[in-house]
Amino acid sequence: MRAHMGAFRWPDLELGRSIDDPAHACELLEVYVGPQGEPGEERFQLTVCTPSALADQLQRHSFLIGRHWLFVPELHPAEVTTWLSDRIAVLEAPTWSELAEKIGRIGAWEFEDYDG
């Protein structure tokens, strides 16, 4: 089974706010993906952030959990969504549940799918 890409949403940017400095930005991204050839889709969320914006976040919060963060040198929404679309398009699994787990991880860890 493979994924069907639905929509990408940048919720805060939809409210009319723009990215003033692509080299210093941190934005929530929602990715809507469903099983190819079947109805339905799920929402996956991640924070897309530049290193300097991350440094600012760490000034305000002593600890950040980084599992659902994507770090980029500059935040250009079209480039991010293209990269994610390409990355998700190559994922494959026997069931939607297993595929959704892979999408939710975005990145891969050597032993995460190890069966031996």
PDB file of N, CA and C in Angstrom:
ATOM      1  N   MET A   1       0.847  -1.176   0.000  1.00  0.00           N
ATOM      2  CA  MET A   1       0.000   0.000   0.000  1.00  0.00           C
ATOM      3  C   MET A   1       0.891   1.236   0.000  1.00  0.00           C
ATOM      4  N   ARG A   2       0.451   2.234  -0.751  1.00  0.00           N
ATOM      5  CA  ARG A   2       1.146   3.523  -0.807  1.00  0.00           C
ATOM      6  C   ARG A   2       0.178   4.626  -0.381  1.00  0.00           C
ATOM      7  N   ALA A   3       0.745   5.793  -0.159  1.00  0.00           N
ATOM      8  CA  ALA A   3      -0.051   6.935   0.311  1.00  0.00           C
ATOM      9  C   ALA A   3      -0.530   7.801  -0.850  1.00  0.00           C
ATOM     10  N   HIS A   4      -1.676   8.404  -0.633  1.00  0.00           N
ATOM     11  CA  HIS A   4      -2.196   9.431  -1.547  1.00  0.00           C
ATOM     12  C   HIS A   4      -2.068  10.765  -0.831  1.00  0.00           C
ATOM     13  N   MET A   5      -1.353  11.698  -1.434  1.00  0.00           N
ATOM     14  CA  MET A   5      -1.173  13.014  -0.827  1.00  0.00           C
ATOM     15  C   MET A   5      -2.435  13.839  -0.996  1.00  0.00           C
ATOM     16  N   GLY A   6      -2.913  14.355   0.105  1.00  0.00           N
ATOM     17  CA  GLY A   6      -4.048  15.267   0.073  1.00  0.00           C
ATOM     18  C   GLY A   6      -3.537  16.694   0.040  1.00  0.00           C
ATOM     19  N   ALA A   7      -3.849  17.444   1.059  1.00  0.00           N
ATOM     20  CA  ALA A   7      -3.483  18.865   1.107  1.00  0.00           C
ATOM     21  C   ALA A   7      -2.380  19.124   2.124  1.00  0.00           C
ATOM     22  N   PHE A   8      -1.745  20.265   1.943  1.00  0.00           N
ATOM     23  CA  PHE A   8      -0.821  20.813   2.930  1.00  0.00           C
ATOM     24  C   PHE A   8      -1.450  22.106   3.433  1.00  0.00           C
ATOM     25  N   ARG A   9      -1.370  22.325   4.741  1.00  0.00           N
ATOM     26  CA  ARG A   9      -1.876  23.581   5.315  1.00  0.00           C
ATOM     27  C   ARG A   9      -0.832  24.164   6.243  1.00  0.00           C
ATOM     28  N   TRP A  10      -0.628  25.453   6.113  1.00  0.00           N
ATOM     29  CA  TRP A  10       0.194  26.233   7.038  1.00  0.00           C
ATOM     30  C   TRP A  10      -0.802  27.106   7.792  1.00  0.00           C
ATOM     31  N   PRO A  11      -1.418  26.597   8.875  1.00  0.00           N
ATOM     32  CA  PRO A  11      -2.539  27.291   9.524  1.00  0.00           C
ATOM     33  C   PRO A  11      -2.275  28.758   9.860  1.00  0.00           C
ATOM     34  N   ASP A  12      -1.134  29.078  10.430  1.00  0.00           N
ATOM     35  CA  ASP A  12      -0.875  30.467  10.820  1.00  0.00           C
ATOM     36  C   ASP A  12      -0.671  31.374   9.612  1.00  0.00           C
ATOM     37  N   LEU A  13      -0.152  30.824   8.528  1.00  0.00           N
ATOM     38  CA  LEU A  13       0.042  31.636   7.324  1.00  0.00           C
ATOM     39  C   LEU A  13      -1.281  31.878   6.603  1.00  0.00           C
ATOM     40  N   GLU A  14      -2.261  31.006   6.812  1.00  0.00           N
ATOM     41  CA  GLU A  14      -3.582  31.199   6.211  1.00  0.00           C
ATOM     42  C   GLU A  14      -4.303  32.395   6.809  1.00  0.00           C
ATOM     43  N   LEU A  15      -3.901  32.797   7.983  1.00  0.00           N
ATOM     44  CA  LEU A  15      -4.550  33.931   8.653  1.00  0.00           C
ATOM     45  C   LEU A  15      -4.007  35.266   8.164  1.00  0.00           C
ATOM     46  N   GLY A  16      -3.225  35.248   7.098  1.00  0.00           N
ATOM     47  CA  GLY A  16      -2.720  36.484   6.514  1.00  0.00           C
ATOM     48  C   GLY A  16      -1.318  36.865   6.946  1.00  0.00           C
ATOM     49  N   ARG A  17      -0.742  36.121   7.890  1.00  0.00           N
ATOM     50  CA  ARG A  17       0.620  36.417   8.310  1.00  0.00           C
ATOM     51  C   ARG A  17       1.580  35.801   7.298  1.00  0.00           C
ATOM     52  N   SER A  18       2.689  36.466   7.035  1.00  0.00           N
ATOM     53  CA  SER A  18       3.667  35.928   6.092  1.00  0.00           C
ATOM     54  C   SER A  18       4.984  35.672   6.814  1.00  0.00           C
ATOM     55  N   ILE A  19       5.875  34.995   6.148  1.00  0.00           N
ATOM     56  CA  ILE A  19       7.200  34.736   6.687  1.00  0.00           C
ATOM     57  C   ILE A  19       8.071  35.938   6.351  1.00  0.00           C
ATOM     58  N   ASP A  20       8.425  36.716   7.363  1.00  0.00           N
ATOM     59  CA  ASP A  20       9.229  37.920   7.137  1.00  0.00           C
ATOM     60  C   ASP A  20      10.662  37.589   6.760  1.00  0.00           C
ATOM     61  N   ASP A  21      11.239  36.615   7.437  1.00  0.00           N
ATOM     62  CA  ASP A  21      12.631  36.241   7.203  1.00  0.00           C
ATOM     63  C   ASP A  21      12.711  34.721   7.083  1.00  0.00           C
ATOM     64  N   PRO A  22      12.840  34.178   5.870  1.00  0.00           N
ATOM     65  CA  PRO A  22      12.887  32.726   5.694  1.00  0.00           C
ATOM     66  C   PRO A  22      14.031  32.046   6.452  1.00  0.00           C
ATOM     67  N   ALA A  23      15.085  32.791   6.790  1.00  0.00           N
ATOM     68  CA  ALA A  23      16.206  32.218   7.531  1.00  0.00           C
ATOM     69  C   ALA A  23      15.942  32.195   9.041  1.00  0.00           C
ATOM     70  N   HIS A  24      14.842  32.808   9.463  1.00  0.00           N
ATOM     71  CA  HIS A  24      14.488  32.833  10.885  1.00  0.00           C
ATOM     72  C   HIS A  24      12.975  32.652  10.998  1.00  0.00           C
ATOM     73  N   ALA A  25      12.542  31.385  10.874  1.00  0.00           N
ATOM     74  CA  ALA A  25      11.102  31.106  10.854  1.00  0.00           C
ATOM     75  C   ALA A  25      10.804  29.770  11.512  1.00  0.00           C
ATOM     76  N   CYS A  26       9.614  29.679  12.073  1.00  0.00           N
ATOM     77  CA  CYS A  26       9.144  28.461  12.719  1.00  0.00           C
ATOM     78  C   CYS A  26       7.627  28.412  12.519  1.00  0.00           C
ATOM     79  N   GLU A  27       7.161  27.422  11.773  1.00  0.00           N
ATOM     80  CA  GLU A  27       5.746  27.357  11.409  1.00  0.00           C
ATOM     81  C   GLU A  27       5.196  25.943  11.547  1.00  0.00           C
ATOM     82  N   LEU A  28       3.936  25.855  11.951  1.00  0.00           N
ATOM     83  CA  LEU A  28       3.216  24.592  11.993  1.00  0.00           C
ATOM     84  C   LEU A  28       2.780  24.228  10.577  1.00  0.00           C
ATOM     85  N   LEU A  29       2.988  22.958  10.211  1.00  0.00           N
ATOM     86  CA  LEU A  29       2.546  22.439   8.923  1.00  0.00           C
ATOM     87  C   LEU A  29       1.646  21.238   9.172  1.00  0.00           C
ATOM     88  N   GLU A  30       0.503  21.228   8.519  1.00  0.00           N
ATOM     89  CA  GLU A  30      -0.401  20.079   8.560  1.00  0.00           C
ATOM     90  C   GLU A  30      -0.354  19.393   7.201  1.00  0.00           C
ATOM     91  N   VAL A  31      -0.190  18.070   7.228  1.00  0.00           N
ATOM     92  CA  VAL A  31      -0.110  17.269   6.010  1.00  0.00           C
ATOM     93  C   VAL A  31      -1.277  16.288   6.052  1.00  0.00           C
ATOM     94  N   TYR A  32      -2.093  16.287   5.013  1.00  0.00           N
ATOM     95  CA  TYR A  32      -3.244  15.390   4.937  1.00  0.00           C
ATOM     96  C   TYR A  32      -2.933  14.283   3.934  1.00  0.00           C
ATOM     97  N   VAL A  33      -2.945  13.044   4.432  1.00  0.00           N
ATOM     98  CA  VAL A  33      -2.547  11.890   3.627  1.00  0.00           C
ATOM     99  C   VAL A  33      -3.525  10.756   3.878  1.00  0.00           C
ATOM    100  N   GLY A  34      -3.843  10.021   2.812  1.00  0.00           N
ATOM    101  CA  GLY A  34      -4.717   8.864   2.936  1.00  0.00           C
ATOM    102  C   GLY A  34      -4.172   7.688   2.168  1.00  0.00           C
ATOM    103  N   PRO A  35      -4.809   6.540   2.304  1.00  0.00           N
ATOM    104  CA  PRO A  35      -4.376   5.362   1.555  1.00  0.00           C
ATOM    105  C   PRO A  35      -4.753   5.499   0.077  1.00  0.00           C
ATOM    106  N   GLN A  36      -3.815   5.183  -0.780  1.00  0.00           N
ATOM    107  CA  GLN A  36      -4.051   5.300  -2.220  1.00  0.00           C
ATOM    108  C   GLN A  36      -5.164   4.342  -2.649  1.00  0.00           C
ATOM    109  N   GLY A  37      -6.127   4.883  -3.394  1.00  0.00           N
ATOM    110  CA  GLY A  37      -7.225   4.070  -3.901  1.00  0.00           C
ATOM    111  C   GLY A  37      -8.322   3.778  -2.891  1.00  0.00           C
ATOM    112  N   GLU A  38      -8.254   4.385  -1.718  1.00  0.00           N
ATOM    113  CA  GLU A  38      -9.265   4.165  -0.688  1.00  0.00           C
ATOM    114  C   GLU A  38      -9.720   5.512  -0.138  1.00  0.00           C
ATOM    115  N   PRO A  39     -10.931   5.566   0.425  1.00  0.00           N
ATOM    116  CA  PRO A  39     -11.411   6.835   0.980  1.00  0.00           C
ATOM    117  C   PRO A  39     -10.730   7.165   2.311  1.00  0.00           C
ATOM    118  N   GLY A  40     -10.783   8.432   2.651  1.00  0.00           N
ATOM    119  CA  GLY A  40     -10.290   8.874   3.950  1.00  0.00           C
ATOM    120  C   GLY A  40      -8.875   9.401   3.905  1.00  0.00           C
ATOM    121  N   GLU A  41      -8.567  10.189   4.925  1.00  0.00           N
ATOM    122  CA  GLU A  41      -7.214  10.708   5.072  1.00  0.00           C
ATOM    123  C   GLU A  41      -6.994  11.074   6.535  1.00  0.00           C
ATOM    124  N   GLU A  42      -5.738  11.157   6.900  1.00  0.00           N
ATOM    125  CA  GLU A  42      -5.344  11.506   8.258  1.00  0.00           C
ATOM    126  C   GLU A  42      -4.567  12.818   8.219  1.00  0.00           C
ATOM    127  N   ARG A  43      -4.575  13.515   9.344  1.00  0.00           N
ATOM    128  CA  ARG A  43      -3.797  14.750   9.465  1.00  0.00           C
ATOM    129  C   ARG A  43      -2.538  14.448  10.270  1.00  0.00           C
ATOM    130  N   PHE A  44      -1.400  14.812   9.712  1.00  0.00           N
ATOM    131  CA  PHE A  44      -0.116  14.708  10.383  1.00  0.00           C
ATOM    132  C   PHE A  44       0.389  16.132  10.572  1.00  0.00           C
ATOM    133  N   GLN A  45       0.905  16.440  11.755  1.00  0.00           N
ATOM    134  CA  GLN A  45       1.397  17.785  12.033  1.00  0.00           C
ATOM    135  C   GLN A  45       2.884  17.742  12.345  1.00  0.00           C
ATOM    136  N   LEU A  46       3.594  18.744  11.880  1.00  0.00           N
ATOM    137  CA  LEU A  46       4.977  18.911  12.260  1.00  0.00           C
ATOM    138  C   LEU A  46       5.320  20.390  12.268  1.00  0.00           C
ATOM    139  N   THR A  47       6.354  20.723  12.998  1.00  0.00           N
ATOM    140  CA  THR A  47       6.832  22.092  13.061  1.00  0.00           C
ATOM    141  C   THR A  47       8.052  22.196  12.160  1.00  0.00           C
ATOM    142  N   VAL A  48       8.021  23.146  11.233  1.00  0.00           N
ATOM    143  CA  VAL A  48       9.146  23.385  10.335  1.00  0.00           C
ATOM    144  C   VAL A  48       9.887  24.601  10.883  1.00  0.00           C
ATOM    145  N   CYS A  49      11.181  24.435  11.117  1.00  0.00           N
ATOM    146  CA  CYS A  49      11.910  25.458  11.861  1.00  0.00           C
ATOM    147  C   CYS A  49      13.333  25.625  11.328  1.00  0.00           C
ATOM    148  N   THR A  50      13.822  26.846  11.373  1.00  0.00           N
ATOM    149  CA  THR A  50      15.211  27.134  11.019  1.00  0.00           C
ATOM    150  C   THR A  50      16.068  27.092  12.285  1.00  0.00           C
ATOM    151  N   PRO A  51      17.374  26.921  12.155  1.00  0.00           N
ATOM    152  CA  PRO A  51      18.235  26.868  13.342  1.00  0.00           C
ATOM    153  C   PRO A  51      18.146  28.120  14.228  1.00  0.00           C
ATOM    154  N   SER A  52      18.097  29.284  13.629  1.00  0.00           N
ATOM    155  CA  SER A  52      18.040  30.494  14.465  1.00  0.00           C
ATOM    156  C   SER A  52      16.706  30.612  15.198  1.00  0.00           C
ATOM    157  N   ALA A  53      15.627  30.187  14.561  1.00  0.00           N
ATOM    158  CA  ALA A  53      14.325  30.202  15.236  1.00  0.00           C
ATOM    159  C   ALA A  53      14.291  29.154  16.345  1.00  0.00           C
ATOM    160  N   LEU A  54      14.970  28.037  16.135  1.00  0.00           N
ATOM    161  CA  LEU A  54      15.075  27.034  17.186  1.00  0.00           C
ATOM    162  C   LEU A  54      15.821  27.602  18.386  1.00  0.00           C
ATOM    163  N   ALA A  55      16.893  28.329  18.136  1.00  0.00           N
ATOM    164  CA  ALA A  55      17.639  28.952  19.236  1.00  0.00           C
ATOM    165  C   ALA A  55      16.731  29.891  20.027  1.00  0.00           C
ATOM    166  N   ASP A  56      15.903  30.654  19.353  1.00  0.00           N
ATOM    167  CA  ASP A  56      14.941  31.527  20.047  1.00  0.00           C
ATOM    168  C   ASP A  56      13.955  30.710  20.878  1.00  0.00           C
ATOM    169  N   GLN A  57      13.470  29.604  20.319  1.00  0.00           N
ATOM    170  CA  GLN A  57      12.540  28.739  21.048  1.00  0.00           C
ATOM    171  C   GLN A  57      13.195  28.217  22.326  1.00  0.00           C
ATOM    172  N   LEU A  58      14.477  27.857  22.241  1.00  0.00           N
ATOM    173  CA  LEU A  58      15.174  27.321  23.402  1.00  0.00           C
ATOM    174  C   LEU A  58      15.448  28.391  24.457  1.00  0.00           C
ATOM    175  N   GLN A  59      15.462  29.653  24.073  1.00  0.00           N
ATOM    176  CA  GLN A  59      15.585  30.728  25.051  1.00  0.00           C
ATOM    177  C   GLN A  59      14.321  30.826  25.904  1.00  0.00           C
ATOM    178  N   ARG A  60      13.170  30.509  25.295  1.00  0.00           N
ATOM    179  CA  ARG A  60      11.885  30.600  26.000  1.00  0.00           C
ATOM    180  C   ARG A  60      11.503  29.311  26.705  1.00  0.00           C
ATOM    181  N   HIS A  61      11.976  28.166  26.190  1.00  0.00           N
ATOM    182  CA  HIS A  61      11.624  26.852  26.741  1.00  0.00           C
ATOM    183  C   HIS A  61      12.918  26.072  26.962  1.00  0.00           C
ATOM    184  N   SER A  62      13.125  25.623  28.169  1.00  0.00           N
ATOM    185  CA  SER A  62      14.365  24.908  28.489  1.00  0.00           C
ATOM    186  C   SER A  62      14.500  23.580  27.749  1.00  0.00           C
ATOM    187  N   PHE A  63      13.356  22.955  27.441  1.00  0.00           N
ATOM    188  CA  PHE A  63      13.382  21.663  26.771  1.00  0.00           C
ATOM    189  C   PHE A  63      12.351  21.666  25.645  1.00  0.00           C
ATOM    190  N   LEU A  64      12.721  21.078  24.516  1.00  0.00           N
ATOM    191  CA  LEU A  64      11.797  20.883  23.403  1.00  0.00           C
ATOM    192  C   LEU A  64      11.915  19.432  22.953  1.00  0.00           C
ATOM    193  N   ILE A  65      10.794  18.813  22.670  1.00  0.00           N
ATOM    194  CA  ILE A  65      10.808  17.453  22.137  1.00  0.00           C
ATOM    195  C   ILE A  65      10.839  17.579  20.622  1.00  0.00           C
ATOM    196  N   GLY A  66      11.812  16.957  19.989  1.00  0.00           N
ATOM    197  CA  GLY A  66      12.039  17.173  18.566  1.00  0.00           C
ATOM    198  C   GLY A  66      11.523  16.117  17.619  1.00  0.00           C
ATOM    199  N   ARG A  67      10.657  15.223  18.066  1.00  0.00           N
ATOM    200  CA  ARG A  67      10.231  14.126  17.182  1.00  0.00           C
ATOM    201  C   ARG A  67       9.479  14.605  15.949  1.00  0.00           C
ATOM    202  N   HIS A  68       8.670  15.601  16.064  1.00  0.00           N
ATOM    203  CA  HIS A  68       7.869  16.039  14.913  1.00  0.00           C
ATOM    204  C   HIS A  68       8.288  17.427  14.443  1.00  0.00           C
ATOM    205  N   TRP A  69       9.574  17.619  14.348  1.00  0.00           N
ATOM    206  CA  TRP A  69      10.137  18.870  13.848  1.00  0.00           C
ATOM    207  C   TRP A  69      10.920  18.565  12.588  1.00  0.00           C
ATOM    208  N   LEU A  70      10.880  19.476  11.651  1.00  0.00           N
ATOM    209  CA  LEU A  70      11.676  19.388  10.436  1.00  0.00           C
ATOM    210  C   LEU A  70      12.523  20.654  10.389  1.00  0.00           C
ATOM    211  N   PHE A  71      13.829  20.496  10.345  1.00  0.00           N
ATOM    212  CA  PHE A  71      14.727  21.646  10.348  1.00  0.00           C
ATOM    213  C   PHE A  71      15.207  21.944   8.935  1.00  0.00           C
ATOM    214  N   VAL A  72      15.144  23.206   8.582  1.00  0.00           N
ATOM    215  CA  VAL A  72      15.541  23.673   7.253  1.00  0.00           C
ATOM    216  C   VAL A  72      16.419  24.911   7.405  1.00  0.00           C
ATOM    217  N   PRO A  73      17.348  25.151   6.458  1.00  0.00           N
ATOM    218  CA  PRO A  73      18.176  26.354   6.559  1.00  0.00           C
ATOM    219  C   PRO A  73      17.361  27.629   6.338  1.00  0.00           C
ATOM    220  N   GLU A  74      16.374  27.540   5.439  1.00  0.00           N
ATOM    221  CA  GLU A  74      15.433  28.645   5.184  1.00  0.00           C
ATOM    222  C   GLU A  74      14.064  28.038   4.949  1.00  0.00           C
ATOM    223  N   LEU A  75      13.035  28.711   5.436  1.00  0.00           N
ATOM    224  CA  LEU A  75      11.688  28.175   5.299  1.00  0.00           C
ATOM    225  C   LEU A  75      11.013  28.776   4.066  1.00  0.00           C
ATOM    226  N   HIS A  76      10.923  27.946   3.041  1.00  0.00           N
ATOM    227  CA  HIS A  76      10.187  28.271   1.816  1.00  0.00           C
ATOM    228  C   HIS A  76       9.100  27.203   1.685  1.00  0.00           C
ATOM    229  N   PRO A  77       7.847  27.554   1.996  1.00  0.00           N
ATOM    230  CA  PRO A  77       6.781  26.549   2.048  1.00  0.00           C
ATOM    231  C   PRO A  77       6.691  25.624   0.838  1.00  0.00           C
ATOM    232  N   ALA A  78       6.826  26.135  -0.367  1.00  0.00           N
ATOM    233  CA  ALA A  78       6.706  25.280  -1.556  1.00  0.00           C
ATOM    234  C   ALA A  78       7.819  24.230  -1.602  1.00  0.00           C
ATOM    235  N   GLU A  79       9.020  24.610  -1.217  1.00  0.00           N
ATOM    236  CA  GLU A  79      10.131  23.648  -1.206  1.00  0.00           C
ATOM    237  C   GLU A  79       9.904  22.565  -0.154  1.00  0.00           C
ATOM    238  N   VAL A  80       9.393  22.958   1.002  1.00  0.00           N
ATOM    239  CA  VAL A  80       9.134  21.999   2.076  1.00  0.00           C
ATOM    240  C   VAL A  80       8.057  21.006   1.649  1.00  0.00           C
ATOM    241  N   THR A  81       6.968  21.488   1.079  1.00  0.00           N
ATOM    242  CA  THR A  81       5.885  20.581   0.694  1.00  0.00           C
ATOM    243  C   THR A  81       6.305  19.658  -0.450  1.00  0.00           C
ATOM    244  N   THR A  82       7.121  20.146  -1.368  1.00  0.00           N
ATOM    245  CA  THR A  82       7.630  19.288  -2.443  1.00  0.00           C
ATOM    246  C   THR A  82       8.514  18.189  -1.865  1.00  0.00           C
ATOM    247  N   TRP A  83       9.410  18.563  -0.954  1.00  0.00           N
ATOM    248  CA  TRP A  83      10.304  17.570  -0.343  1.00  0.00           C
ATOM    249  C   TRP A  83       9.495  16.520   0.404  1.00  0.00           C
ATOM    250  N   LEU A  84       8.508  16.953   1.196  1.00  0.00           N
ATOM    251  CA  LEU A  84       7.683  16.002   1.948  1.00  0.00           C
ATOM    252  C   LEU A  84       6.866  15.103   1.027  1.00  0.00           C
ATOM    253  N   SER A  85       6.311  15.670  -0.032  1.00  0.00           N
ATOM    254  CA  SER A  85       5.543  14.861  -0.991  1.00  0.00           C
ATOM    255  C   SER A  85       6.412  13.763  -1.584  1.00  0.00           C
ATOM    256  N   ASP A  86       7.626  14.125  -1.977  1.00  0.00           N
ATOM    257  CA  ASP A  86       8.546  13.140  -2.554  1.00  0.00           C
ATOM    258  C   ASP A  86       8.913  12.070  -1.531  1.00  0.00           C
ATOM    259  N   ARG A  87       9.141  12.480  -0.301  1.00  0.00           N
ATOM    260  CA  ARG A  87       9.533  11.556   0.764  1.00  0.00           C
ATOM    261  C   ARG A  87       8.399  10.584   1.092  1.00  0.00           C
ATOM    262  N   ILE A  88       7.185  11.082   1.183  1.00  0.00           N
ATOM    263  CA  ILE A  88       6.028  10.247   1.525  1.00  0.00           C
ATOM    264  C   ILE A  88       5.660   9.328   0.360  1.00  0.00           C
ATOM    265  N   ALA A  89       5.842   9.784  -0.875  1.00  0.00           N
ATOM    266  CA  ALA A  89       5.461   9.010  -2.058  1.00  0.00           C
ATOM    267  C   ALA A  89       6.218   7.690  -2.175  1.00  0.00           C
ATOM    268  N   VAL A  90       7.410   7.593  -1.630  1.00  0.00           N
ATOM    269  CA  VAL A  90       8.196   6.362  -1.760  1.00  0.00           C
ATOM    270  C   VAL A  90       7.928   5.359  -0.632  1.00  0.00           C
ATOM    271  N   LEU A  91       7.175   5.771   0.381  1.00  0.00           N
ATOM    272  CA  LEU A  91       6.884   4.866   1.493  1.00  0.00           C
ATOM    273  C   LEU A  91       5.882   3.803   1.063  1.00  0.00           C
ATOM    274  N   GLU A  92       6.032   2.628   1.624  1.00  0.00           N
ATOM    275  CA  GLU A  92       5.140   1.529   1.298  1.00  0.00           C
ATOM    276  C   GLU A  92       5.009   0.624   2.515  1.00  0.00           C
ATOM    277  N   ALA A  93       3.819   0.053   2.709  1.00  0.00           N
ATOM    278  CA  ALA A  93       3.572  -0.876   3.818  1.00  0.00           C
ATOM    279  C   ALA A  93       2.372  -1.750   3.461  1.00  0.00           C
ATOM    280  N   PRO A  94       2.239  -2.893   4.113  1.00  0.00           N
ATOM    281  CA  PRO A  94       1.120  -3.788   3.809  1.00  0.00           C
ATOM    282  C   PRO A  94      -0.249  -3.228   4.184  1.00  0.00           C
ATOM    283  N   THR A  95      -0.321  -2.412   5.255  1.00  0.00           N
ATOM    284  CA  THR A  95      -1.608  -1.873   5.706  1.00  0.00           C
ATOM    285  C   THR A  95      -1.507  -0.357   5.882  1.00  0.00           C
ATOM    286  N   TRP A  96      -2.688   0.288   5.927  1.00  0.00           N
ATOM    287  CA  TRP A  96      -2.705   1.732   6.158  1.00  0.00           C
ATOM    288  C   TRP A  96      -2.133   2.077   7.529  1.00  0.00           C
ATOM    289  N   SER A  97      -2.434   1.278   8.509  1.00  0.00           N
ATOM    290  CA  SER A  97      -1.930   1.536   9.855  1.00  0.00           C
ATOM    291  C   SER A  97      -0.398   1.543   9.880  1.00  0.00           C
ATOM    292  N   GLU A  98       0.206   0.583   9.219  1.00  0.00           N
ATOM    293  CA  GLU A  98       1.669   0.518   9.161  1.00  0.00           C
ATOM    294  C   GLU A  98       2.243   1.664   8.333  1.00  0.00           C
ATOM    295  N   LEU A  99       1.557   2.014   7.259  1.00  0.00           N
ATOM    296  CA  LEU A  99       2.008   3.128   6.430  1.00  0.00           C
ATOM    297  C   LEU A  99       1.889   4.442   7.196  1.00  0.00           C
ATOM    298  N   ALA A 100       0.802   4.613   7.932  1.00  0.00           N
ATOM    299  CA  ALA A 100       0.621   5.830   8.725  1.00  0.00           C
ATOM    300  C   ALA A 100       1.710   5.959   9.784  1.00  0.00           C
ATOM    301  N   GLU A 101       2.142   4.840  10.359  1.00  0.00           N
ATOM    302  CA  GLU A 101       3.255   4.887  11.314  1.00  0.00           C
ATOM    303  C   GLU A 101       4.519   5.422  10.648  1.00  0.00           C
ATOM    304  N   LYS A 102       4.790   4.964   9.442  1.00  0.00           N
ATOM    305  CA  LYS A 102       5.982   5.434   8.716  1.00  0.00           C
ATOM    306  C   LYS A 102       5.872   6.920   8.379  1.00  0.00           C
ATOM    307  N   ILE A 103       4.701   7.333   7.966  1.00  0.00           N
ATOM    308  CA  ILE A 103       4.507   8.758   7.651  1.00  0.00           C
ATOM    309  C   ILE A 103       4.693   9.591   8.909  1.00  0.00           C
ATOM    310  N   GLY A 104       4.163   9.122  10.010  1.00  0.00           N
ATOM    311  CA  GLY A 104       4.287   9.825  11.272  1.00  0.00           C
ATOM    312  C   GLY A 104       5.713   9.955  11.759  1.00  0.00           C
ATOM    313  N   ARG A 105       6.563   9.054  11.319  1.00  0.00           N
ATOM    314  CA  ARG A 105       7.977   9.123  11.699  1.00  0.00           C
ATOM    315  C   ARG A 105       8.759  10.055  10.787  1.00  0.00           C
ATOM    316  N   ILE A 106       8.299  10.283   9.582  1.00  0.00           N
ATOM    317  CA  ILE A 106       8.978  11.056   8.540  1.00  0.00           C
ATOM    318  C   ILE A 106      10.390  10.537   8.310  1.00  0.00           C
ATOM    319  N   GLY A 107      11.229  10.609   9.302  1.00  0.00           N
ATOM    320  CA  GLY A 107      12.586  10.096   9.165  1.00  0.00           C
ATOM    321  C   GLY A 107      12.610   8.605   9.444  1.00  0.00           C
ATOM    322  N   ALA A 108      13.701   7.972   9.125  1.00  0.00           N
ATOM    323  CA  ALA A 108      13.827   6.543   9.346  1.00  0.00           C
ATOM    324  C   ALA A 108      14.936   6.264  10.354  1.00  0.00           C
ATOM    325  N   TRP A 109      14.724   5.262  11.164  1.00  0.00           N
ATOM    326  CA  TRP A 109      15.739   4.802  12.094  1.00  0.00           C
ATOM    327  C   TRP A 109      16.080   3.381  11.699  1.00  0.00           C
ATOM    328  N   GLU A 110      17.352   3.043  11.689  1.00  0.00           N
ATOM    329  CA  GLU A 110      17.839   1.780  11.200  1.00  0.00           C
ATOM    330  C   GLU A 110      17.080   0.570  11.763  1.00  0.00           C
ATOM    331  N   PHE A 111      16.762   0.563  13.047  1.00  0.00           N
ATOM    332  CA  PHE A 111      16.180  -0.621  13.663  1.00  0.00           C
ATOM    333  C   PHE A 111      14.668  -0.508  13.917  1.00  0.00           C
ATOM    334  N   GLU A 112      14.046   0.581  13.511  1.00  0.00           N
ATOM    335  CA  GLU A 112      12.624   0.767  13.825  1.00  0.00           C
ATOM    336  C   GLU A 112      11.741  -0.298  13.177  1.00  0.00           C
ATOM    337  N   ASP A 113      12.088  -0.756  11.985  1.00  0.00           N
ATOM    338  CA  ASP A 113      11.310  -1.771  11.295  1.00  0.00           C
ATOM    339  C   ASP A 113      12.004  -3.140  11.292  1.00  0.00           C
ATOM    340  N   TYR A 114      13.002  -3.289  12.118  1.00  0.00           N
ATOM    341  CA  TYR A 114      13.795  -4.529  12.141  1.00  0.00           C
ATOM    342  C   TYR A 114      13.001  -5.668  12.760  1.00  0.00           C
ATOM    343  N   ASP A 115      12.930  -6.795  12.077  1.00  0.00           N
ATOM    344  CA  ASP A 115      12.174  -7.937  12.555  1.00  0.00           C
ATOM    345  C   ASP A 115      13.070  -9.070  13.057  1.00  0.00           C
ATOM    346  N   GLY A 116      14.360  -9.003  12.809  1.00  0.00           N
ATOM    347  CA  GLY A 116      15.257 -10.124  13.111  1.00  0.00           C
ATOM    348  C   GLY A 116      15.690 -10.099  14.479  1.00  0.00           C
TER     349      GLY A 116
END
